[in-house]
C-alpha atoms as a PDB file:
ATOM      1  CA  MET A   1      44.263-156.059 165.387  1.00  0.00           C
ATOM      2  CA  GLY A   2      42.623-159.243 164.067  1.00  0.00           C
ATOM      3  CA  TRP A   3      43.808-161.620 161.505  1.00  0.00           C
ATOM      4  CA  ILE A   4      47.561-161.605 160.676  1.00  0.00           C
ATOM      5  CA  ILE A   5      49.213-163.107 157.800  1.00  0.00           C
ATOM      6  CA  LYS A   6      52.934-163.786 157.698  1.00  0.00           C
ATOM      7  CA  LEU A   7      54.643-163.272 154.111  1.00  0.00           C
ATOM      8  CA  LYS A   8      57.797-164.978 153.317  1.00  0.00           C
ATOM      9  CA  ASP A   9      59.759-164.301 150.109  1.00  0.00           C
ATOM     10  CA  ALA A  10      58.110-160.976 149.849  1.00  0.00           C
ATOM     11  CA  LYS A  11      59.156-158.229 147.355  1.00  0.00           C
ATOM     12  CA  ASP A  12      58.337-154.486 147.522  1.00  0.00           C
ATOM     13  CA  TRP A  13      58.220-152.316 144.378  1.00  0.00           C
ATOM     14  CA  SER A  14      61.045-149.858 144.020  1.00  0.00           C
ATOM     15  CA  SER A  15      60.066-146.598 142.353  1.00  0.00           C
ATOM     16  CA  VAL A  16      63.800-145.733 142.243  1.00  0.00           C
ATOM     17  CA  HIS A  17      65.135-148.756 140.734  1.00  0.00           C
ATOM     18  CA  LYS A  18      61.617-149.566 138.453  1.00  0.00           C
ATOM     19  CA  GLU A  19      61.601-153.363 139.423  1.00  0.00           C
ATOM     20  CA  TRP A  20      60.638-155.458 142.568  1.00  0.00           C
ATOM     21  CA  MET A  21      63.029-155.619 145.341  1.00  0.00           C
ATOM     22  CA  ALA A  22      63.232-158.545 147.728  1.00  0.00           C
ATOM     23  CA  LYS A  23      62.429-157.971 151.310  1.00  0.00           C
ATOM     24  CA  ASN A  24      65.268-159.279 153.698  1.00  0.00           C
ATOM     25  CA  ALA A  25      62.705-160.448 156.522  1.00  0.00           C
ATOM     26  CA  SER A  26      59.222-161.967 156.453  1.00  0.00           C
ATOM     27  CA  LEU A  27      56.367-159.617 156.739  1.00  0.00           C
ATOM     28  CA  ASN A  28      53.412-159.465 159.308  1.00  0.00           C
ATOM     29  CA  ILE A  29      50.648-157.987 157.785  1.00  0.00           C
ATOM     30  CA  TYR A  30      47.225-157.170 159.475  1.00  0.00           C
ATOM     31  CA  LEU A  31      44.188-158.020 157.361  1.00  0.00           C
ATOM     32  CA  ARG A  32      41.337-156.544 159.571  1.00  0.00           C
ATOM     33  CA  ASP A  33      39.945-153.868 156.930  1.00  0.00           C
ATOM     34  CA  ALA A  34      41.307-155.387 153.837  1.00  0.00           C
ATOM     35  CA  MET A  35      39.322-156.087 150.502  1.00  0.00           C
ATOM     36  CA  ILE A  36      40.363-159.473 149.240  1.00  0.00           C
ATOM     37  CA  ILE A  37      39.599-160.226 145.505  1.00  0.00           C
ATOM     38  CA  LYS A  38      40.099-163.803 143.714  1.00  0.00           C
ATOM     39  CA  ASN A  39      39.181-164.409 140.076  1.00  0.00           C
ATOM     40  CA  GLY A  40      37.632-160.870 139.851  1.00  0.00           C
ATOM     41  CA  GLN A  41      35.380-161.582 142.857  1.00  0.00           C
ATOM     42  CA  ARG A  42      35.275-160.001 146.433  1.00  0.00           C
ATOM     43  CA  VAL A  43      35.987-163.091 148.781  1.00  0.00           C
ATOM     44  CA  THR A  44      36.581-163.891 152.484  1.00  0.00           C
ATOM     45  CA  LEU A  45      39.914-164.668 154.487  1.00  0.00           C
ATOM     46  CA  ASP A  46      38.890-168.373 153.882  1.00  0.00           C
ATOM     47  CA  GLU A  47      40.210-168.037 150.334  1.00  0.00           C
ATOM     48  CA  ILE A  48      43.655-167.342 151.187  1.00  0.00           C
ATOM     49  CA  LYS A  49      45.609-170.706 151.074  1.00  0.00           C
ATOM     50  CA  ILE A  50      49.363-171.477 151.732  1.00  0.00           C
ATOM     51  CA  GLY A  51      51.210-170.947 148.654  1.00  0.00           C
ATOM     52  CA  ASP A  52      49.056-168.451 147.172  1.00  0.00           C
ATOM     53  CA  ARG A  53      50.617-165.589 145.462  1.00  0.00           C
ATOM     54  CA  LEU A  54      49.333-162.488 146.818  1.00  0.00           C
ATOM     55  CA  TYR A  55      49.575-158.903 145.628  1.00  0.00           C
ATOM     56  CA  LEU A  56      49.059-156.245 148.314  1.00  0.00           C
ATOM     57  CA  VAL A  57      48.244-152.475 148.569  1.00  0.00           C
ATOM     58  CA  ARG A  58      49.268-151.772 151.973  1.00  0.00           C
ATOM     59  CA  ASP A  59      49.800-148.931 154.472  1.00  0.00           C
ATOM     60  CA  SER A  60      52.915-150.145 156.711  1.00  0.00           C
ATOM     61  CA  ASN A  61      51.552-153.387 158.113  1.00  0.00           C
ATOM     62  CA  MET A  62      47.990-152.795 157.444  1.00  0.00           C
ATOM     63  CA  ALA A  63      46.767-154.311 154.131  1.00  0.00           C
ATOM     64  CA  LYS A  64      44.076-152.298 152.088  1.00  0.00           C
ATOM     65  CA  VAL A  65      43.683-154.669 148.907  1.00  0.00           C
ATOM     66  CA  ILE A  66      44.801-158.155 148.523  1.00  0.00           C
ATOM     67  CA  ILE A  67      44.687-159.892 144.723  1.00  0.00           C
ATOM     68  CA  ILE A  68      44.872-163.357 145.014  1.00  0.00           C
ATOM     69  CA  LYS A  69      46.712-165.132 141.881  1.00  0.00           C
END
């Protein structure tokens, strides 16, 4: 499956509650086909650093878009 990132303190958007809801466990997300954006530019996996805040669009455990803040 390629690169995997383990996310701690993750939250998912809840359409029902209209707020970010904390996940009870860490998430393992596969990055193989993800488009990664940092400072408005497409970058490589090397640009993701420990402690970065990531916003993901994902389908189950497959990342589609990652925005690094």
